[in-house]
Amino acid sequence: MVFPGRFSTGCKRCRQRKVKCDEGRPSCRRCQIYGQPCPGYADQFHFRFDKTASKQENPSPPPRRRVRPQPPSQQQPPPPNHNRNQTLVRATGGTRPLAIMPQLELSYDDISLCYFVRRFVTADESDNLPGHLSFLPSLYNHSGHGLLELATLSVAQMAAYNQFGGEKFRLQSYQNYGRAVRTLRKTIEDENEVTDDRVLAAVLLLCAFKDIGEAGWGDPSEHASGLYYLLERRGVEQFCTQRGFELFLLSLLKLQVHAFLHQDNKYSDPGGLVAWLSTVNPMMRAMALMTQTIQLRQSLLECSINTNRYHNATEYSSSSSGSQGYSDEADQSTLSACFQALEEFDTWDIEAESYWRDTFNGRSIPAALGDPARGVAYYDPKTACIIILVRSARMILLLSILEYYDAIRVSCSGEDGWRVGNQAAWVSCIPILEENLRLAIDDMLYCVPFAMGDRGPDGGPVTGSQDGAAALVVFQPVKLVTFCVYATPEQRKCSQDILDRMNTTIGVRSAMSWEKQAPLIASAPPQQPGTQGLIRAMALLTNSGAVASC
């Protein structure tokens, strides 16, 4: 037993949390700020015994208790200085001292933080490949109660509640979330603090709180405007550090999810930084392609809406002059940009191979469309996540083109004839687009086990994998597969199984299909002309013979 250093006279809670106590009576100020009752003070010494803190409230001999006898080889003789602070008791009727190891008392904060960091935070590695919140351990101040600490505690306690239960975890999580939001509102008013990494990290954690929180509690993308504002204010200086680059990428992913779900492009490229950095390296080029895909999808939806409006107007008009007023120039221009973007995805696959080999030594290399699903390669978790994100962007673009085609096919089913492009070219192109979409889904589903640590280099699970970190990054692309009418039944079932595991085992409560989520929240998939709601309805009409084939 050794004395660990200067004896602390603070209250028990401050000593547990290792923060300075003002020793106020009857309650210290730290506990009042924290919102917890002060447990009081105990004037006694603490010794370390076999790396564990020994604690004894009463200097009198401890009460008798039944202990399990240990083999002689595990018993230790008492030290020469036998005093009242020893934690050695003798078994009733025995002749040998038995050591009782005291239990280490951990606070709810410590338990939740340890669990959250172990499962939802990727390791900070030296090759600068972005991960998920790998910067958090270096930013978090265990003795502070600022914005980042409150946001971290809120999401960590909710994650612990999902895993372990316990109403106290849940209550403290919501309390800290409310405190973090109030602190954030005050912080963003300060021009000197708004560009701090800790502020942007806190907003990302508040977004993560919505992802893992209870179903139906708020909109996961409600912080999109705040992320957009912070990224704009931080400017190009945020790319000067690895931490700033990772913060930007994670924030941009949240903005792209918001743009897709809400069909709102105003937050897709904060300050034009994505387009400006698209030529820097394949990492930023991939982000630029994702942003471009969301914008092209919105343009195709607008083209579909305009076509349907024209079609509906001509149905009620007896004049033939209206049929000459439609122009497909916008449609043709948008479609040309879409097919050019598909070629850029192929180019990215080639560029990424050499970039990964030269920059990220020892990591697996991204492959061309369809190659990962052949099952001939291992992918490290970070690379696997990036492949899933890039393939999901390609999937969205292919899906948008197919949705547009089906919407146009409905509007051209009458006597007006085909109005956009060459009908024969469309007929020959559609099967290729559908096959490429399924290949993209195959690649995504193949990479999920690598991303979540289920498969390591030897084919077995990875010890200590951060499956929660991967789940928060890729659950939205996996969710999209479950809703894709062009996916095979096997692909949709596999995606649903992955979501079920993320939801029930890992605790990402937003990881559920839109069909299951719709009754709980108002954030259902967009149902505008050209989206999958129309495709599902059209498929029913086609089966009944109500729609003629073009």
Protein backbone atom coordinates (compact mmCIF):
# COMPACT_ATOMS: atom_id res chain seq x y z
CA MET A 1 0.00 0.00 0.00
CA VAL A 2 1.30 3.40 -0.93
CA PHE A 3 0.03 6.87 -0.26
CA PRO A 4 -1.02 8.28 -3.67
CA GLY A 5 0.01 11.84 -2.97
CA ARG A 6 -1.41 14.90 -1.23
CA PHE A 7 -4.66 14.08 0.51
CA SER A 8 -7.70 15.84 -0.97
CA THR A 9 -10.11 17.43 1.48
CA GLY A 10 -12.80 18.04 -1.14
CA CYS A 11 -16.20 16.40 -1.23
CA LYS A 12 -16.58 12.83 -2.41
CA ARG A 13 -18.09 13.72 -5.78
CA CYS A 14 -15.35 16.18 -6.68
CA ARG A 15 -12.73 13.61 -5.71
CA GLN A 16 -14.44 11.00 -7.87
CA ARG A 17 -14.53 13.37 -10.83
CA LYS A 18 -10.99 14.58 -10.07
CA VAL A 19 -11.89 18.26 -10.06
CA LYS A 20 -10.98 21.00 -7.60
CA CYS A 21 -13.55 21.45 -4.84
CA ASP A 22 -14.17 24.79 -3.14
CA GLU A 23 -15.09 22.85 0.05
CA GLY A 24 -18.17 24.95 0.65
CA ARG A 25 -20.45 23.99 3.54
CA PRO A 26 -22.92 22.35 3.56
CA SER A 27 -22.66 21.91 -0.24
CA CYS A 28 -19.79 22.77 -2.55
CA ARG A 29 -20.37 25.01 -5.58
CA ARG A 30 -19.23 22.35 -8.07
CA CYS A 31 -22.05 20.04 -7.07
CA GLN A 32 -24.55 22.91 -7.26
CA ILE A 33 -23.45 23.75 -10.82
CA TYR A 34 -23.55 20.11 -11.77
CA GLY A 35 -27.07 19.83 -10.38
CA GLN A 36 -26.28 16.97 -8.01
CA PRO A 37 -26.53 16.77 -4.20
CA CYS A 38 -23.20 17.19 -2.48
CA PRO A 39 -22.35 13.93 -0.68
CA GLY A 40 -20.28 15.72 1.96
CA TYR A 41 -16.74 15.29 3.22
CA ALA A 42 -14.81 12.46 4.82
CA ASP A 43 -11.54 13.16 6.61
CA GLN A 44 -9.57 10.00 5.99
CA PHE A 45 -6.58 8.76 4.07
CA HIS A 46 -6.80 6.67 0.92
CA PHE A 47 -4.18 4.16 -0.08
CA ARG A 48 -3.63 2.32 -3.29
CA PHE A 49 -3.72 -1.44 -3.12
CA ASP A 50 -2.85 -3.39 -6.23
CA LYS A 51 -3.76 -0.45 -8.53
CA THR A 52 -7.20 -0.07 -6.89
CA ALA A 53 -8.29 2.73 -4.54
CA SER A 54 -9.05 1.43 -1.06
CA LYS A 55 -11.84 3.10 0.81
CA GLN A 56 -13.04 2.72 4.41
CA GLU A 57 -15.68 4.98 5.89
CA ASN A 58 -15.22 3.93 9.54
CA PRO A 59 -11.82 3.41 11.17
CA SER A 60 -13.32 0.72 13.40
CA PRO A 61 -12.91 -2.91 12.29
CA PRO A 62 -15.25 -3.78 9.42
CA PRO A 63 -18.24 -6.02 10.15
CA ARG A 64 -17.92 -9.71 9.70
CA ARG A 65 -18.81 -10.99 6.30
CA ARG A 66 -18.69 -14.32 4.62
CA VAL A 67 -15.75 -14.64 2.28
CA ARG A 68 -14.80 -17.40 -0.05
CA PRO A 69 -11.59 -19.18 1.03
CA GLN A 70 -8.70 -18.74 -1.40
CA PRO A 71 -6.05 -21.27 -2.30
CA PRO A 72 -2.85 -20.92 -0.28
CA SER A 73 -0.97 -19.79 -3.38
CA GLN A 74 -3.20 -16.69 -3.68
CA GLN A 75 -2.85 -15.55 -0.06
CA GLN A 76 -0.40 -12.86 0.93
CA PRO A 77 1.23 -12.32 4.34
CA PRO A 78 0.31 -9.09 6.10
CA PRO A 79 2.80 -6.23 5.72
CA PRO A 80 4.89 -5.33 8.77
CA ASN A 81 3.14 -1.99 9.40
CA HIS A 82 -0.25 -3.30 10.40
CA ASN A 83 -2.45 -0.28 11.19
CA ARG A 84 -6.08 0.70 11.32
CA ASN A 85 -6.22 1.66 7.64
CA GLN A 86 -5.43 -1.82 6.39
CA THR A 87 -8.19 -3.57 4.43
CA LEU A 88 -7.32 -7.02 5.65
CA VAL A 89 -9.82 -9.08 7.58
CA ARG A 90 -9.63 -12.51 9.05
CA ALA A 91 -12.18 -15.14 8.24
CA THR A 92 -14.16 -16.37 11.21
CA GLY A 93 -12.33 -19.26 12.76
CA GLY A 94 -9.49 -18.99 10.25
CA THR A 95 -5.82 -18.52 10.85
CA ARG A 96 -4.78 -16.76 7.63
CA PRO A 97 -5.53 -13.16 6.58
CA LEU A 98 -7.76 -12.85 3.50
CA ALA A 99 -7.46 -9.85 1.20
CA ILE A 100 -10.68 -8.20 0.10
CA MET A 101 -10.29 -6.07 -3.02
CA PRO A 102 -12.47 -2.97 -2.69
CA GLN A 103 -14.71 -2.10 -5.62
CA LEU A 104 -13.79 0.96 -7.63
CA GLU A 105 -16.70 3.38 -7.60
CA LEU A 106 -17.36 4.99 -10.97
CA SER A 107 -19.74 7.85 -11.56
CA TYR A 108 -22.45 7.78 -14.22
CA ASP A 109 -20.36 10.25 -16.20
CA ASP A 110 -17.30 8.01 -16.18
CA ILE A 111 -19.25 4.91 -17.16
CA SER A 112 -21.01 6.62 -20.05
CA LEU A 113 -17.89 8.36 -21.32
CA CYS A 114 -15.80 5.20 -21.27
CA TYR A 115 -18.47 3.27 -23.13
CA PHE A 116 -19.07 6.00 -25.71
CA VAL A 117 -15.40 6.56 -26.51
CA ARG A 118 -14.68 2.84 -26.73
CA ARG A 119 -17.53 2.14 -29.14
CA PHE A 120 -18.32 5.34 -31.03
CA VAL A 121 -14.94 7.09 -31.39
CA THR A 122 -12.30 5.87 -33.82
CA ALA A 123 -8.64 5.82 -32.91
CA ASP A 124 -6.54 8.84 -33.85
CA GLU A 125 -4.03 7.35 -36.29
CA SER A 126 -0.95 8.91 -37.80
CA ASP A 127 -1.78 8.67 -41.51
CA ASN A 128 -4.45 11.42 -41.32
CA LEU A 129 -7.23 9.35 -42.90
CA PRO A 130 -10.39 10.87 -41.40
CA GLY A 131 -12.38 8.81 -38.90
CA HIS A 132 -15.33 9.47 -36.61
CA LEU A 133 -14.74 11.90 -33.72
CA SER A 134 -11.13 10.74 -33.36
CA PHE A 135 -10.29 14.24 -32.13
CA LEU A 136 -12.67 14.05 -29.14
CA PRO A 137 -10.26 12.66 -26.49
CA SER A 138 -7.82 15.49 -27.16
CA LEU A 139 -10.50 18.19 -26.92
CA TYR A 140 -12.51 16.93 -23.98
CA ASN A 141 -11.69 18.53 -20.62
CA HIS A 142 -12.59 16.15 -17.79
CA SER A 143 -12.55 18.96 -15.24
CA GLY A 144 -14.62 21.37 -17.31
CA HIS A 145 -18.34 21.97 -17.79
CA GLY A 146 -18.28 23.83 -21.09
CA LEU A 147 -20.25 23.35 -24.30
CA LEU A 148 -18.24 20.40 -25.59
CA GLU A 149 -18.33 18.60 -22.26
CA LEU A 150 -22.10 19.00 -21.94
CA ALA A 151 -22.70 17.83 -25.52
CA THR A 152 -20.39 14.85 -25.05
CA LEU A 153 -22.06 13.82 -21.81
CA SER A 154 -25.51 14.08 -23.36
CA VAL A 155 -24.75 11.71 -26.24
CA ALA A 156 -22.57 9.42 -24.09
CA GLN A 157 -25.27 9.03 -21.44
CA MET A 158 -27.90 8.32 -24.09
CA ALA A 159 -25.63 5.68 -25.62
CA ALA A 160 -25.13 4.15 -22.17
CA TYR A 161 -28.89 4.19 -21.56
CA ASN A 162 -29.50 2.34 -24.84
CA GLN A 163 -26.91 -0.28 -23.88
CA PHE A 164 -27.33 -0.71 -20.11
CA GLY A 165 -30.70 0.79 -19.30
CA GLY A 166 -31.05 2.86 -16.16
CA GLU A 167 -33.39 5.81 -15.97
CA LYS A 168 -30.67 8.00 -14.48
CA PHE A 169 -28.61 7.76 -17.68
CA ARG A 170 -31.62 8.87 -19.70
CA LEU A 171 -32.56 11.73 -17.36
CA GLN A 172 -29.03 13.10 -17.18
CA SER A 173 -28.70 12.79 -20.96
CA TYR A 174 -31.69 15.04 -21.63
CA GLN A 175 -30.61 17.47 -18.92
CA ASN A 176 -27.14 17.83 -20.42
CA TYR A 177 -28.58 18.15 -23.92
CA GLY A 178 -30.75 21.05 -22.81
CA ARG A 179 -27.80 22.71 -21.07
CA ALA A 180 -25.64 22.21 -24.17
CA VAL A 181 -28.21 23.83 -26.47
CA ARG A 182 -28.56 26.83 -24.16
CA THR A 183 -24.79 27.18 -23.93
CA LEU A 184 -24.48 26.89 -27.72
CA ARG A 185 -26.89 29.77 -28.26
CA LYS A 186 -24.75 31.99 -26.07
CA THR A 187 -21.49 30.78 -27.59
CA ILE A 188 -22.34 31.50 -31.22
CA GLU A 189 -22.98 35.12 -30.29
CA ASP A 190 -19.30 35.47 -29.41
CA GLU A 191 -17.27 36.23 -32.53
CA ASN A 192 -14.09 34.99 -30.88
CA GLU A 193 -15.44 31.55 -29.99
CA VAL A 194 -17.61 30.69 -32.96
CA THR A 195 -14.69 29.36 -35.03
CA ASP A 196 -13.28 27.19 -32.24
CA ASP A 197 -12.98 23.47 -33.02
CA ARG A 198 -14.75 22.69 -29.76
CA VAL A 199 -17.90 24.51 -30.91
CA LEU A 200 -18.18 22.62 -34.22
CA ALA A 201 -17.40 19.34 -32.46
CA ALA A 202 -20.18 20.05 -29.96
CA VAL A 203 -22.74 20.59 -32.74
CA LEU A 204 -21.70 17.29 -34.34
CA LEU A 205 -22.23 15.57 -31.01
CA LEU A 206 -25.68 17.12 -30.71
CA CYS A 207 -26.45 15.69 -34.15
CA ALA A 208 -25.20 12.29 -32.96
CA PHE A 209 -27.53 12.61 -29.96
CA LYS A 210 -30.49 12.75 -32.35
CA ASP A 211 -29.17 9.73 -34.27
CA ILE A 212 -28.85 7.48 -31.23
CA GLY A 213 -31.65 9.05 -29.20
CA GLU A 214 -35.11 7.64 -28.70
CA ALA A 215 -37.15 7.26 -31.88
CA GLY A 216 -39.46 10.16 -32.53
CA TRP A 217 -37.49 12.67 -30.44
CA GLY A 218 -36.71 15.56 -32.77
CA ASP A 219 -35.30 15.80 -36.27
CA PRO A 220 -31.71 14.52 -36.68
CA SER A 221 -30.99 17.27 -39.22
CA GLU A 222 -32.34 20.20 -37.21
CA HIS A 223 -28.79 21.42 -36.60
CA ALA A 224 -28.07 21.74 -40.35
CA SER A 225 -28.30 25.53 -40.36
CA GLY A 226 -25.89 25.74 -37.43
CA LEU A 227 -23.37 23.46 -39.12
CA TYR A 228 -23.60 25.47 -42.33
CA TYR A 229 -23.05 28.74 -40.47
CA LEU A 230 -20.03 27.43 -38.58
CA LEU A 231 -18.37 25.94 -41.67
CA GLU A 232 -18.78 29.21 -43.53
CA ARG A 233 -17.35 31.23 -40.66
CA ARG A 234 -14.36 28.92 -40.24
CA GLY A 235 -13.33 29.37 -43.89
CA VAL A 236 -10.29 27.78 -45.50
CA GLU A 237 -8.26 27.96 -42.29
CA GLN A 238 -10.08 24.89 -40.97
CA PHE A 239 -8.21 22.69 -43.48
CA CYS A 240 -4.83 23.54 -41.99
CA THR A 241 -5.08 20.79 -39.36
CA GLN A 242 -6.09 17.14 -39.43
CA ARG A 243 -8.72 17.84 -36.79
CA GLY A 244 -10.24 20.67 -38.81
CA PHE A 245 -10.35 18.52 -41.95
CA GLU A 246 -12.13 15.69 -40.15
CA LEU A 247 -14.60 18.11 -38.56
CA PHE A 248 -15.39 19.53 -41.99
CA LEU A 249 -15.96 16.12 -43.58
CA LEU A 250 -18.24 14.89 -40.79
CA SER A 251 -20.22 18.14 -40.89
CA LEU A 252 -20.56 17.99 -44.66
CA LEU A 253 -21.94 14.45 -44.45
CA LYS A 254 -24.65 15.70 -42.09
CA LEU A 255 -25.51 18.52 -44.49
CA GLN A 256 -25.74 16.13 -47.43
CA VAL A 257 -28.12 13.86 -45.52
CA HIS A 258 -30.25 16.91 -44.75
CA ALA A 259 -30.22 17.98 -48.42
CA PHE A 260 -31.30 14.52 -49.58
CA LEU A 261 -34.06 13.95 -47.03
CA HIS A 262 -35.50 17.47 -47.22
CA GLN A 263 -34.72 18.20 -50.89
CA ASP A 264 -33.00 21.37 -49.74
CA ASN A 265 -29.73 22.28 -51.45
CA LYS A 266 -29.11 25.58 -49.70
CA TYR A 267 -26.84 23.91 -47.14
CA SER A 268 -25.07 21.46 -49.49
CA ASP A 269 -21.90 23.52 -50.16
CA PRO A 270 -21.05 25.94 -47.33
CA GLY A 271 -19.20 28.93 -48.68
CA GLY A 272 -18.42 27.14 -51.94
CA LEU A 273 -15.62 25.33 -50.12
CA VAL A 274 -16.46 21.91 -51.56
CA ALA A 275 -16.27 23.04 -55.17
CA TRP A 276 -13.12 25.02 -54.44
CA LEU A 277 -11.35 22.04 -52.87
CA SER A 278 -12.55 19.42 -55.35
CA THR A 279 -9.22 19.47 -57.20
CA VAL A 280 -7.05 19.13 -54.08
CA ASN A 281 -7.16 15.34 -53.64
CA PRO A 282 -9.51 12.39 -54.22
CA MET A 283 -10.88 12.71 -50.69
CA MET A 284 -12.26 16.17 -51.39
CA ARG A 285 -13.16 15.13 -54.91
CA ALA A 286 -15.37 12.39 -53.46
CA MET A 287 -17.11 14.93 -51.23
CA ALA A 288 -17.61 17.22 -54.23
CA LEU A 289 -19.17 14.36 -56.20
CA MET A 290 -21.53 13.65 -53.31
CA THR A 291 -22.57 17.29 -53.19
CA GLN A 292 -22.98 17.41 -56.97
CA THR A 293 -25.13 14.28 -56.85
CA ILE A 294 -27.56 15.86 -54.39
CA GLN A 295 -27.82 18.97 -56.57
CA LEU A 296 -28.40 16.93 -59.74
CA ARG A 297 -31.07 14.91 -57.99
CA GLN A 298 -32.93 18.07 -57.11
CA SER A 299 -32.64 19.30 -60.70
CA LEU A 300 -34.07 16.04 -62.05
CA LEU A 301 -36.96 16.24 -59.60
CA GLU A 302 -37.74 19.76 -60.80
CA CYS A 303 -37.65 18.56 -64.41
CA SER A 304 -40.08 15.77 -63.53
CA ILE A 305 -42.41 18.22 -61.82
CA ASN A 306 -42.38 20.58 -64.81
CA THR A 307 -43.07 17.70 -67.19
CA ASN A 308 -45.99 16.50 -65.11
CA ARG A 309 -47.41 20.01 -64.93
CA TYR A 310 -47.23 20.33 -68.69
CA HIS A 311 -48.80 16.89 -69.13
CA ASN A 312 -51.67 17.74 -66.77
CA ALA A 313 -52.24 21.10 -68.46
CA THR A 314 -52.49 19.56 -71.93
CA GLU A 315 -55.02 17.00 -70.71
CA TYR A 316 -57.50 19.80 -69.92
CA SER A 317 -56.73 21.93 -72.94
CA SER A 318 -58.38 21.40 -76.30
CA SER A 319 -55.89 23.64 -78.08
CA SER A 320 -52.88 22.06 -79.78
CA SER A 321 -50.77 25.17 -79.29
CA GLY A 322 -49.96 24.10 -75.74
CA SER A 323 -48.18 20.98 -76.94
CA GLN A 324 -45.66 23.15 -78.76
CA GLY A 325 -44.80 25.16 -75.68
CA TYR A 326 -42.81 22.45 -73.94
CA SER A 327 -39.01 22.56 -74.20
CA ASP A 328 -36.76 19.75 -73.05
CA GLU A 329 -33.56 21.82 -73.05
CA ALA A 330 -33.36 21.90 -69.25
CA ASP A 331 -33.98 18.16 -69.10
CA GLN A 332 -31.31 17.42 -71.69
CA SER A 333 -28.78 19.66 -69.95
CA THR A 334 -29.42 18.06 -66.56
CA LEU A 335 -29.25 14.53 -67.97
CA SER A 336 -25.97 15.33 -69.70
CA ALA A 337 -24.54 16.52 -66.37
CA CYS A 338 -25.78 13.33 -64.68
CA PHE A 339 -24.06 11.00 -67.15
CA GLN A 340 -20.90 13.09 -66.96
CA ALA A 341 -20.97 12.69 -63.17
CA LEU A 342 -21.23 8.91 -63.59
CA GLU A 343 -18.04 9.03 -65.65
CA GLU A 344 -16.39 11.09 -62.91
CA PHE A 345 -17.23 8.36 -60.39
CA ASP A 346 -15.34 5.90 -62.61
CA THR A 347 -12.43 8.33 -62.79
CA TRP A 348 -12.45 8.66 -59.01
CA ASP A 349 -12.05 4.89 -58.61
CA ILE A 350 -8.88 5.07 -60.70
CA GLU A 351 -7.46 8.15 -58.95
CA ALA A 352 -8.23 6.81 -55.48
CA GLU A 353 -6.21 3.66 -56.10
CA SER A 354 -2.95 5.54 -56.66
CA TYR A 355 -3.74 8.16 -53.99
CA TRP A 356 -4.36 5.53 -51.31
CA ARG A 357 -1.21 3.64 -52.27
CA ASP A 358 0.98 6.76 -52.09
CA THR A 359 -0.64 8.47 -49.08
CA PHE A 360 -2.04 5.82 -46.74
CA ASN A 361 0.71 3.27 -46.49
CA GLY A 362 -0.51 -0.17 -45.49
CA ARG A 363 -4.20 0.51 -46.00
CA SER A 364 -6.41 -1.37 -48.41
CA ILE A 365 -7.10 0.33 -51.73
CA PRO A 366 -10.54 1.28 -53.12
CA ALA A 367 -11.49 -0.65 -56.24
CA ALA A 368 -13.67 -0.11 -59.30
CA LEU A 369 -17.43 -0.61 -59.27
CA GLY A 370 -18.29 -4.24 -58.66
CA ASP A 371 -14.78 -5.34 -57.65
CA PRO A 372 -15.23 -5.23 -53.84
CA ALA A 373 -18.33 -7.42 -54.02
CA ARG A 374 -16.32 -10.18 -55.66
CA GLY A 375 -14.92 -10.84 -52.21
CA VAL A 376 -11.24 -10.91 -53.05
CA ALA A 377 -10.01 -8.07 -50.82
CA TYR A 378 -9.87 -6.99 -47.19
CA TYR A 379 -10.72 -3.38 -46.33
CA ASP A 380 -9.71 -1.56 -43.17
CA PRO A 381 -12.69 0.04 -41.37
CA LYS A 382 -12.02 3.63 -42.44
CA THR A 383 -11.50 2.77 -46.10
CA ALA A 384 -14.60 0.57 -46.02
CA CYS A 385 -16.68 3.49 -44.70
CA ILE A 386 -15.39 5.76 -47.47
CA ILE A 387 -16.23 3.17 -50.14
CA ILE A 388 -19.76 2.87 -48.73
CA LEU A 389 -20.24 6.64 -48.83
CA VAL A 390 -18.93 6.99 -52.39
CA ARG A 391 -21.01 4.06 -53.61
CA SER A 392 -24.09 5.49 -51.92
CA ALA A 393 -23.61 8.78 -53.81
CA ARG A 394 -23.36 6.85 -57.09
CA MET A 395 -26.45 4.90 -56.06
CA ILE A 396 -28.41 8.11 -55.44
CA LEU A 397 -27.43 9.46 -58.86
CA LEU A 398 -28.42 6.24 -60.64
CA LEU A 399 -31.63 6.10 -58.66
CA SER A 400 -32.46 9.69 -59.57
CA ILE A 401 -32.00 9.00 -63.30
CA LEU A 402 -34.21 5.92 -63.11
CA GLU A 403 -36.86 7.82 -61.16
CA TYR A 404 -36.81 10.56 -63.79
CA TYR A 405 -37.17 8.00 -66.58
CA ASP A 406 -40.20 6.41 -64.95
CA ALA A 407 -41.83 9.78 -64.36
CA ILE A 408 -41.30 10.74 -68.00
CA ARG A 409 -42.59 7.37 -69.14
CA VAL A 410 -45.86 7.97 -67.30
CA SER A 411 -46.32 11.43 -68.81
CA CYS A 412 -45.50 10.15 -72.32
CA SER A 413 -47.83 7.17 -72.21
CA GLY A 414 -50.54 8.97 -74.15
CA GLU A 415 -50.67 10.18 -77.72
CA ASP A 416 -48.11 12.94 -77.28
CA GLY A 417 -45.21 10.55 -77.81
CA TRP A 418 -41.74 10.58 -76.31
CA ARG A 419 -40.45 14.09 -75.64
CA VAL A 420 -37.04 13.75 -73.94
CA GLY A 421 -34.12 12.27 -75.83
CA ASN A 422 -34.17 9.18 -77.98
CA GLN A 423 -36.61 6.56 -76.79
CA ALA A 424 -34.60 3.65 -78.21
CA ALA A 425 -31.46 4.89 -76.45
CA TRP A 426 -33.37 5.05 -73.18
CA VAL A 427 -34.63 1.51 -73.58
CA SER A 428 -31.11 0.17 -74.10
CA CYS A 429 -29.62 2.31 -71.31
CA ILE A 430 -32.05 1.55 -68.49
CA PRO A 431 -30.94 -2.10 -67.91
CA ILE A 432 -27.32 -0.93 -67.65
CA LEU A 433 -28.23 1.73 -65.10
CA GLU A 434 -30.21 -0.78 -63.05
CA GLU A 435 -27.32 -3.26 -63.10
CA ASN A 436 -24.82 -0.57 -62.02
CA LEU A 437 -27.13 0.42 -59.18
CA ARG A 438 -27.24 -3.17 -57.91
CA LEU A 439 -23.45 -3.43 -58.21
CA ALA A 440 -23.10 -0.29 -56.09
CA ILE A 441 -25.38 -1.83 -53.47
CA ASP A 442 -23.38 -5.08 -53.54
CA ASP A 443 -20.17 -3.13 -52.90
CA MET A 444 -21.79 -1.27 -50.00
CA LEU A 445 -23.11 -4.40 -48.34
CA TYR A 446 -19.80 -6.21 -48.81
CA CYS A 447 -17.91 -3.39 -47.06
CA VAL A 448 -20.25 -3.08 -44.06
CA PRO A 449 -18.72 -6.03 -42.11
CA PHE A 450 -15.25 -4.55 -42.60
CA ALA A 451 -16.42 -1.09 -41.53
CA MET A 452 -17.97 -2.45 -38.34
CA GLY A 453 -15.05 -4.71 -37.44
CA ASP A 454 -16.86 -7.99 -38.05
CA ARG A 455 -14.14 -9.11 -40.44
CA GLY A 456 -10.46 -8.47 -39.93
CA PRO A 457 -7.45 -9.34 -42.08
CA ASP A 458 -7.69 -12.96 -40.96
CA GLY A 459 -11.42 -13.17 -41.68
CA GLY A 460 -12.43 -13.10 -38.01
CA PRO A 461 -13.83 -10.23 -35.95
CA VAL A 462 -11.56 -7.38 -34.91
CA THR A 463 -10.89 -7.05 -31.18
CA GLY A 464 -12.09 -3.75 -29.74
CA SER A 465 -13.70 -2.53 -32.95
CA GLN A 466 -15.58 0.76 -32.96
CA ASP A 467 -18.74 -0.60 -34.58
CA GLY A 468 -20.76 2.31 -33.23
CA ALA A 469 -18.55 4.83 -35.02
CA ALA A 470 -19.06 3.02 -38.32
CA ALA A 471 -22.79 2.71 -37.69
CA LEU A 472 -23.19 6.47 -37.24
CA VAL A 473 -21.34 7.07 -40.52
CA VAL A 474 -23.02 4.51 -42.79
CA PHE A 475 -26.51 3.83 -41.43
CA GLN A 476 -28.14 6.40 -43.73
CA PRO A 477 -26.79 4.76 -46.95
CA VAL A 478 -27.86 1.35 -45.64
CA LYS A 479 -31.30 2.75 -44.85
CA LEU A 480 -31.62 3.96 -48.44
CA VAL A 481 -31.09 0.42 -49.75
CA THR A 482 -34.09 -0.87 -47.79
CA PHE A 483 -36.29 1.63 -49.62
CA CYS A 484 -34.82 1.21 -53.11
CA VAL A 485 -37.30 -0.52 -55.41
CA TYR A 486 -34.48 -1.48 -57.80
CA ALA A 487 -32.58 -3.43 -55.14
CA THR A 488 -33.04 -7.18 -55.09
CA PRO A 489 -35.06 -8.76 -52.27
CA GLU A 490 -31.84 -10.28 -50.92
CA GLN A 491 -30.16 -6.85 -50.85
CA ARG A 492 -33.09 -5.26 -49.04
CA LYS A 493 -33.23 -8.07 -46.49
CA CYS A 494 -29.48 -7.85 -45.84
CA SER A 495 -29.77 -4.09 -45.36
CA GLN A 496 -32.68 -4.53 -42.98
CA ASP A 497 -30.70 -7.05 -40.92
CA ILE A 498 -27.83 -4.56 -40.68
CA LEU A 499 -30.17 -1.79 -39.54
CA ASP A 500 -31.75 -4.07 -36.95
CA ARG A 501 -28.33 -4.80 -35.48
CA MET A 502 -27.36 -1.11 -35.46
CA ASN A 503 -30.62 -0.27 -33.73
CA THR A 504 -30.94 -3.00 -31.11
CA THR A 505 -27.34 -4.07 -30.46
CA ILE A 506 -25.38 -0.85 -30.95
CA GLY A 507 -28.12 1.57 -29.95
CA VAL A 508 -28.41 3.82 -33.02
CA ARG A 509 -32.16 4.31 -32.74
CA SER A 510 -32.45 6.14 -36.07
CA ALA A 511 -31.17 3.02 -37.85
CA MET A 512 -34.54 1.78 -39.02
CA SER A 513 -36.22 1.70 -42.40
CA TRP A 514 -38.39 4.65 -43.40
CA GLU A 515 -41.47 2.42 -43.37
CA LYS A 516 -40.89 1.65 -39.68
CA GLN A 517 -39.82 5.17 -38.84
CA ALA A 518 -42.71 6.98 -40.54
CA PRO A 519 -45.29 6.30 -37.77
CA LEU A 520 -42.85 7.62 -35.16
CA ILE A 521 -41.65 10.86 -36.71
CA ALA A 522 -42.58 13.19 -39.53
CA SER A 523 -39.25 12.65 -41.33
CA ALA A 524 -40.45 10.21 -43.97
CA PRO A 525 -38.79 9.88 -47.39
CA PRO A 526 -39.74 12.65 -49.82
CA GLN A 527 -42.89 11.91 -51.79
CA GLN A 528 -42.75 14.20 -54.80
CA PRO A 529 -43.25 13.36 -58.48
CA GLY A 530 -40.37 11.24 -59.68
CA THR A 531 -39.54 9.78 -56.29
CA GLN A 532 -39.98 6.19 -55.26
CA GLY A 533 -43.54 6.75 -54.10
CA LEU A 534 -44.44 7.33 -57.75
CA ILE A 535 -42.41 4.32 -58.85
CA ARG A 536 -44.17 2.03 -56.40
CA ALA A 537 -47.56 3.29 -57.54
CA MET A 538 -46.55 2.99 -61.19
CA ALA A 539 -45.37 -0.57 -60.64
CA LEU A 540 -48.83 -1.47 -59.39
CA LEU A 541 -50.40 0.16 -62.44
CA THR A 542 -48.00 -1.67 -64.75
CA ASN A 543 -48.88 -5.01 -63.20
CA SER A 544 -52.56 -4.33 -63.78
CA GLY A 545 -51.96 -3.30 -67.38
CA ALA A 546 -53.10 0.28 -66.83
CA VAL A 547 -49.89 1.79 -68.18
CA ALA A 548 -48.73 1.03 -71.67
CA SER A 549 -45.10 0.31 -72.27
CA CYS A 550 -43.31 3.02 -74.20
